[in-house]
Amino acid sequence: MPQMLLCWCIGKAASGVKEFYTLPAGRELLQYESIAVNTIVKNKTGEVSSCDVPFNASLAQFNTDYLRLTQEVAENCKNHDLTESMVIGTSAIVDTEIDGAVGMNSGIFNNPILIWGKYHKGLFRTTMKLSFQFHHTQMDGAHAGRFLERLQSNINRIMSNDK
């Protein structure tokens, strides 16, 4: 459930930043009408598969799609790719705390990606560090900052509703 909620918060934050609907591809910027959030799924063989979940502003609908699609991917061991949507990549490294992660835009995967590790429980609060990579042709630091502020705001809203 926490993974799904973070993926929804990422999609919700990105859906309000128009730069997330574009993808650098060679010398072009491809424009998409919809976005999806990618998650990595441990499949039944113990390997990992990729699963794109279409973003839906309705948390209930996103949850339904997330559970159905990740279960299908886990069972059939086949990636679920949405080529008609701009995909925001995610990668959870839940077995370790991270201070940052570096991945390079390869020319093939130029989509934004967020990577996070496990939660750190402190004396007064729990924190989680994340790493955000994006292609500078797609957006600049101001857009990235606006996205991260929106992400934190969405997380705060979810956390305040849980209490």
Protein backbone atom coordinates (compact mmCIF):
# COMPACT_ATOMS: atom_id res chain seq x y z
CA MET A 1 0.00 0.00 0.00
CA PRO A 2 2.73 2.62 0.77
CA GLN A 3 4.28 1.99 -2.67
CA MET A 4 0.96 2.56 -4.41
CA LEU A 5 0.31 5.74 -2.41
CA LEU A 6 3.70 7.18 -3.29
CA CYS A 7 3.18 6.32 -6.97
CA TRP A 8 -0.20 8.07 -6.87
CA CYS A 9 1.33 11.13 -5.17
CA ILE A 10 4.02 11.23 -7.89
CA GLY A 11 1.40 11.03 -10.64
CA LYS A 12 -0.77 13.65 -8.93
CA ALA A 13 2.17 16.06 -8.59
CA ALA A 14 3.37 15.46 -12.16
CA SER A 15 -0.12 15.86 -13.65
CA GLY A 16 -0.05 19.54 -12.70
CA VAL A 17 3.30 20.29 -14.34
CA LYS A 18 2.94 20.52 -18.13
CA GLU A 19 6.60 19.61 -18.73
CA PHE A 20 5.86 16.07 -17.52
CA TYR A 21 3.78 15.51 -20.64
CA THR A 22 6.80 15.84 -22.94
CA LEU A 23 9.56 13.35 -23.68
CA PRO A 24 12.91 14.14 -25.30
CA ALA A 25 13.40 11.71 -28.20
CA GLY A 26 16.38 12.39 -30.41
CA ARG A 27 15.99 15.94 -31.67
CA GLU A 28 12.28 16.10 -30.87
CA LEU A 29 10.06 16.60 -27.88
CA LEU A 30 7.14 14.18 -28.01
CA GLN A 31 3.90 15.53 -26.54
CA TYR A 32 1.57 13.16 -24.64
CA GLU A 33 -1.99 13.69 -23.48
CA SER A 34 -1.75 11.34 -20.49
CA ILE A 35 0.81 10.20 -17.96
CA ALA A 36 1.52 6.91 -16.24
CA VAL A 37 3.68 5.90 -13.31
CA ASN A 38 6.03 2.96 -13.69
CA THR A 39 6.74 0.59 -10.84
CA ILE A 40 9.03 -2.39 -10.61
CA VAL A 41 7.32 -5.66 -9.62
CA LYS A 42 8.91 -8.79 -8.19
CA ASN A 43 7.47 -11.56 -10.34
CA LYS A 44 6.72 -15.20 -9.51
CA THR A 45 10.18 -16.33 -10.69
CA GLY A 46 11.87 -13.96 -8.23
CA GLU A 47 13.00 -11.62 -11.01
CA VAL A 48 11.65 -8.13 -11.64
CA SER A 49 9.28 -6.87 -14.29
CA SER A 50 8.20 -3.37 -15.22
CA CYS A 51 4.60 -2.18 -14.85
CA ASP A 52 3.19 1.12 -16.16
CA VAL A 53 0.06 2.21 -14.31
CA PRO A 54 -2.08 4.90 -15.95
CA PHE A 55 -2.43 7.91 -13.65
CA ASN A 56 -5.96 8.63 -12.48
CA ALA A 57 -6.78 11.58 -10.21
CA SER A 58 -9.15 9.27 -8.35
CA LEU A 59 -7.06 7.50 -5.71
CA ALA A 60 -9.59 4.65 -5.58
CA GLN A 61 -9.38 4.05 -9.35
CA PHE A 62 -5.57 4.34 -9.36
CA ASN A 63 -5.43 1.80 -6.52
CA THR A 64 -7.71 -0.61 -8.42
CA ASP A 65 -5.57 -0.30 -11.58
CA TYR A 66 -2.32 -0.57 -9.59
CA LEU A 67 -3.38 -3.75 -7.78
CA ARG A 68 -4.76 -5.41 -10.92
CA LEU A 69 -1.81 -4.55 -13.18
CA THR A 70 0.96 -5.35 -10.69
CA GLN A 71 -0.71 -8.70 -9.92
CA GLU A 72 -0.93 -9.52 -13.65
CA VAL A 73 2.74 -8.60 -14.17
CA ALA A 74 3.81 -10.65 -11.13
CA GLU A 75 1.93 -13.68 -12.43
CA ASN A 76 2.75 -13.55 -16.15
CA CYS A 77 6.33 -12.20 -15.79
CA LYS A 78 5.78 -9.82 -18.72
CA ASN A 79 6.29 -6.07 -18.63
CA HIS A 80 3.18 -3.90 -18.92
CA ASP A 81 4.19 -0.92 -21.08
CA LEU A 82 1.93 2.01 -21.92
CA THR A 83 3.39 3.53 -25.07
CA GLU A 84 0.55 6.03 -25.46
CA SER A 85 1.37 7.77 -22.14
CA MET A 86 4.33 9.73 -20.86
CA VAL A 87 5.77 7.42 -18.19
CA ILE A 88 7.39 8.57 -14.96
CA GLY A 89 9.76 5.90 -13.74
CA THR A 90 10.10 4.84 -10.12
CA SER A 91 12.39 2.46 -8.34
CA ALA A 92 12.10 1.52 -4.70
CA ILE A 93 15.26 0.21 -3.06
CA VAL A 94 13.44 -0.70 0.12
CA ASP A 95 16.19 -2.80 1.68
CA THR A 96 18.56 0.11 2.24
CA GLU A 97 18.62 3.76 3.18
CA ILE A 98 19.94 5.93 0.37
CA ASP A 99 21.55 9.35 0.34
CA GLY A 100 21.05 9.63 -3.40
CA ALA A 101 21.13 7.62 -6.56
CA VAL A 102 22.54 8.44 -9.95
CA GLY A 103 21.30 7.11 -13.24
CA MET A 104 22.18 8.46 -16.60
CA ASN A 105 19.87 9.38 -19.43
CA SER A 106 20.86 6.80 -22.00
CA GLY A 107 19.12 8.22 -25.03
CA ILE A 108 16.62 5.38 -24.75
CA PHE A 109 15.14 6.09 -21.32
CA ASN A 110 14.84 9.87 -21.10
CA ASN A 111 11.77 9.87 -18.90
CA PRO A 112 11.89 11.33 -15.38
CA ILE A 113 12.60 8.82 -12.62
CA LEU A 114 12.33 8.87 -8.85
CA ILE A 115 14.27 6.45 -6.69
CA TRP A 116 13.82 5.99 -2.96
CA GLY A 117 15.09 3.76 -0.19
CA LYS A 118 13.60 2.61 3.06
CA TYR A 119 12.11 4.92 5.63
CA HIS A 120 14.30 6.25 8.44
CA LYS A 121 12.57 6.41 11.80
CA GLY A 122 13.94 9.28 13.86
CA LEU A 123 13.11 10.39 17.35
CA PHE A 124 10.36 12.81 16.32
CA ARG A 125 9.62 12.00 12.69
CA THR A 126 10.02 9.46 9.94
CA THR A 127 11.79 10.52 6.76
CA MET A 128 12.57 9.02 3.40
CA LYS A 129 15.18 10.35 1.00
CA LEU A 130 14.55 10.21 -2.70
CA SER A 131 16.50 10.93 -5.83
CA PHE A 132 14.89 12.68 -8.80
CA GLN A 133 16.40 12.53 -12.26
CA PHE A 134 15.03 14.35 -15.29
CA HIS A 135 16.22 15.34 -18.76
CA HIS A 136 17.18 19.02 -18.84
CA THR A 137 15.66 19.38 -22.32
CA GLN A 138 12.31 18.49 -20.78
CA MET A 139 12.39 20.81 -17.78
CA ASP A 140 14.71 22.96 -15.73
CA GLY A 141 15.32 23.21 -12.01
CA ALA A 142 12.35 25.51 -11.39
CA HIS A 143 9.95 22.94 -12.89
CA ALA A 144 11.62 20.15 -10.92
CA GLY A 145 11.34 22.19 -7.73
CA ARG A 146 7.64 22.88 -8.36
CA PHE A 147 7.07 19.16 -8.91
CA LEU A 148 8.89 18.22 -5.67
CA GLU A 149 6.89 20.81 -3.71
CA ARG A 150 3.65 19.38 -5.13
CA LEU A 151 4.84 15.85 -4.29
CA GLN A 152 5.55 16.82 -0.67
CA SER A 153 2.17 18.57 -0.44
CA ASN A 154 0.37 15.44 -1.71
CA ILE A 155 2.25 13.25 0.76
CA ASN A 156 1.40 15.64 3.60
CA ARG A 157 -2.30 15.55 2.63
CA ILE A 158 -2.33 11.75 2.62
CA MET A 159 -0.50 11.60 5.95
CA SER A 160 -2.89 14.09 7.60
CA ASN A 161 -5.87 12.02 6.40
CA ASP A 162 -4.41 8.88 8.02
CA LYS A 163 -4.43 10.41 11.49
